N, C-alpha and C. Protein backbone atom coordinates (compact mmCIF):
# COMPACT_ATOMS: atom_id res chain seq x y z
N UNK A 1 0.86 -1.15 0.10
CA UNK A 1 -0.17 -0.05 -0.02
C UNK A 1 0.85 1.48 0.11
N UNK A 2 0.61 1.95 -0.95
CA UNK A 2 1.21 3.38 -1.03
C UNK A 2 0.30 4.66 -0.35
N UNK A 3 0.75 5.58 0.27
CA UNK A 3 0.34 6.28 0.83
C UNK A 3 0.98 7.94 0.18
N UNK A 4 0.37 8.62 -0.49
CA UNK A 4 1.21 9.93 -1.13
C UNK A 4 0.30 11.34 -0.54
N UNK A 5 1.10 11.85 -0.06
CA UNK A 5 0.29 13.21 0.15
C UNK A 5 0.98 14.30 -0.53
N UNK A 6 0.29 14.80 -1.56
CA UNK A 6 0.87 16.20 -2.31
C UNK A 6 1.21 17.38 -1.42
N UNK A 7 2.52 17.95 -1.82
CA UNK A 7 3.22 18.89 -1.13
C UNK A 7 2.43 20.13 -1.58
N UNK A 8 2.18 21.29 -1.13
CA UNK A 8 1.55 22.60 -1.45
C UNK A 8 2.89 23.32 -1.88
N UNK A 9 2.87 24.40 -2.53
CA UNK A 9 4.26 25.10 -3.10
C UNK A 9 4.32 25.96 -2.28
N UNK A 10 3.07 26.65 -1.21
CA UNK A 10 2.97 27.63 -0.76
C UNK A 10 1.62 27.57 0.38
N UNK A 11 1.89 28.26 1.22
CA UNK A 11 0.99 28.23 2.50
C UNK A 11 0.53 29.56 2.55
N UNK A 12 -0.44 29.55 2.81
CA UNK A 12 -1.24 31.06 3.26
C UNK A 12 -1.35 31.36 4.72
N UNK A 13 -0.61 32.18 5.22
CA UNK A 13 -0.32 32.47 6.46
C UNK A 13 -1.72 32.83 7.32
N UNK A 14 -2.77 33.48 6.51
CA UNK A 14 -3.89 33.67 7.39
C UNK A 14 -4.40 32.35 7.42
N UNK A 15 -4.58 31.38 6.37
CA UNK A 15 -5.26 29.87 6.58
C UNK A 15 -4.71 29.31 7.78
N UNK A 16 -3.13 29.22 7.93
CA UNK A 16 -2.52 28.72 9.09
C UNK A 16 -3.11 29.27 10.28
N UNK A 17 -2.78 30.45 10.77
CA UNK A 17 -3.58 31.08 11.70
C UNK A 17 -4.93 30.84 12.09
N UNK A 18 -5.81 31.17 11.04
CA UNK A 18 -7.24 30.88 11.59
C UNK A 18 -7.06 29.22 11.79
N UNK A 19 -6.87 28.25 11.11
CA UNK A 19 -6.90 26.99 11.71
C UNK A 19 -6.00 26.75 13.26
N UNK A 20 -5.05 27.56 13.30
CA UNK A 20 -4.50 27.37 14.82
C UNK A 20 -5.37 27.75 15.85
N UNK A 21 -6.01 28.76 15.43
CA UNK A 21 -6.96 29.64 16.36
C UNK A 21 -8.20 28.89 16.44
N UNK A 22 -8.92 28.07 15.53
CA UNK A 22 -9.98 27.32 15.65
C UNK A 22 -9.87 25.91 15.97
N UNK A 23 -9.03 25.27 15.82
CA UNK A 23 -8.74 24.02 15.63
C UNK A 23 -9.10 23.62 17.27
N UNK A 24 -8.89 24.19 18.06
CA UNK A 24 -9.49 23.82 19.29
C UNK A 24 -10.82 23.97 19.72
N UNK A 25 -11.46 24.82 18.98
CA UNK A 25 -12.87 24.70 18.60
C UNK A 25 -13.26 23.46 17.79
N UNK A 26 -12.78 23.09 17.09
CA UNK A 26 -13.13 22.23 16.34
C UNK A 26 -13.23 20.61 17.24
N UNK A 27 -12.41 20.53 17.96
CA UNK A 27 -11.83 19.72 18.63
C UNK A 27 -12.83 19.89 20.29
N UNK A 28 -12.94 20.96 20.81
CA UNK A 28 -13.47 21.17 22.15
C UNK A 28 -14.76 21.18 22.02
N UNK A 29 -15.83 21.23 20.88
CA UNK A 29 -16.98 21.57 20.94
C UNK A 29 -17.58 19.95 20.61
N UNK A 30 -17.17 19.18 20.46
CA UNK A 30 -18.01 17.81 20.32
C UNK A 30 -17.55 17.38 21.56
N UNK A 31 -16.20 17.23 22.53
CA UNK A 31 -15.81 16.88 23.33
C UNK A 31 -16.66 17.30 24.47
N UNK A 32 -16.84 18.69 24.30
CA UNK A 32 -17.52 19.17 25.56
C UNK A 32 -19.10 19.13 25.35
N UNK A 33 -19.32 19.04 24.34
CA UNK A 33 -21.17 18.51 24.31
C UNK A 33 -21.14 16.91 24.84
N UNK A 34 -20.42 15.85 24.42
CA UNK A 34 -20.47 14.41 25.06
C UNK A 34 -20.35 14.47 26.88
N UNK A 35 -19.24 15.36 27.07
CA UNK A 35 -18.65 15.78 28.33
C UNK A 35 -20.07 15.87 29.19
N UNK A 36 -20.60 16.90 28.70
CA UNK A 36 -21.90 17.48 29.39
C UNK A 36 -23.09 16.60 29.33
N UNK A 37 -23.19 15.81 28.42
CA UNK A 37 -24.39 14.58 28.54
C UNK A 37 -23.79 13.43 29.44
N UNK A 38 -22.61 13.16 29.76
CA UNK A 38 -22.11 12.27 30.64
C UNK A 38 -22.08 12.82 32.04
N UNK A 39 -22.09 14.22 32.24
CA UNK A 39 -22.11 14.76 33.44
C UNK A 39 -23.58 14.61 33.94
N UNK A 40 -24.51 15.09 32.75
CA UNK A 40 -25.93 15.22 33.25
C UNK A 40 -26.56 13.47 33.76
N UNK A 41 -26.04 12.73 33.14
CA UNK A 41 -25.98 11.08 33.28
C UNK A 41 -25.73 10.85 34.40
N UNK A 42 -24.41 11.39 34.84
CA UNK A 42 -24.09 10.63 36.11
C UNK A 42 -24.59 11.18 37.04
N UNK A 43 -25.34 12.33 37.11
CA UNK A 43 -25.91 13.44 38.23
C UNK A 43 -27.22 12.45 38.63
N UNK A 44 -27.92 12.19 37.46
CA UNK A 44 -29.04 11.50 37.35
C UNK A 44 -29.01 10.19 38.00
N UNK A 45 -27.89 9.21 37.55
CA UNK A 45 -27.62 8.27 38.15
C UNK A 45 -27.53 8.45 39.85
N UNK A 46 -26.45 9.43 40.11
CA UNK A 46 -26.65 9.70 41.59
C UNK A 46 -27.32 9.99 42.35
N UNK A 47 -28.40 10.67 41.91
CA UNK A 47 -29.84 10.97 42.45
C UNK A 47 -30.54 9.55 42.82
N UNK A 48 -30.90 9.17 41.66
CA UNK A 48 -31.48 7.53 41.77
C UNK A 48 -30.89 6.78 42.82
N UNK A 49 -29.70 6.95 42.63
CA UNK A 49 -28.83 5.89 43.70
C UNK A 49 -29.08 6.47 44.80
N UNK A 50 -29.22 7.83 45.37
CA UNK A 50 -29.08 8.29 46.79
C UNK A 50 -30.61 8.11 47.03
N UNK A 51 -31.57 8.00 46.42
CA UNK A 51 -32.79 7.67 46.80
C UNK A 51 -33.24 6.42 46.98
N UNK A 52 -32.79 5.79 45.94
CA UNK A 52 -33.26 3.74 46.03
C UNK A 52 -32.05 3.05 46.81
N UNK A 53 -31.01 3.89 46.80
CA UNK A 53 -30.09 2.82 47.52
C UNK A 53 -29.32 3.27 48.86
N UNK A 54 -29.96 3.99 49.34
CA UNK A 54 -29.85 4.65 50.97
C UNK A 54 -30.54 3.43 52.00
N UNK A 55 -29.68 3.26 53.17
CA UNK A 55 -30.41 2.53 54.07
C UNK A 55 -31.27 2.94 54.96
């Protein structure tokens, strides 16, 4: 298997700056969304466990 990536002859500085600044948002938004869902689910399970499994 061969994998070839074409090399650009020139890079746009503005595009590199924009990718650097917004790259964290591209990764952070979906991860934050999932962490919020898991946190809410953990809170719900904690409340259920508190009320149903206390002695």
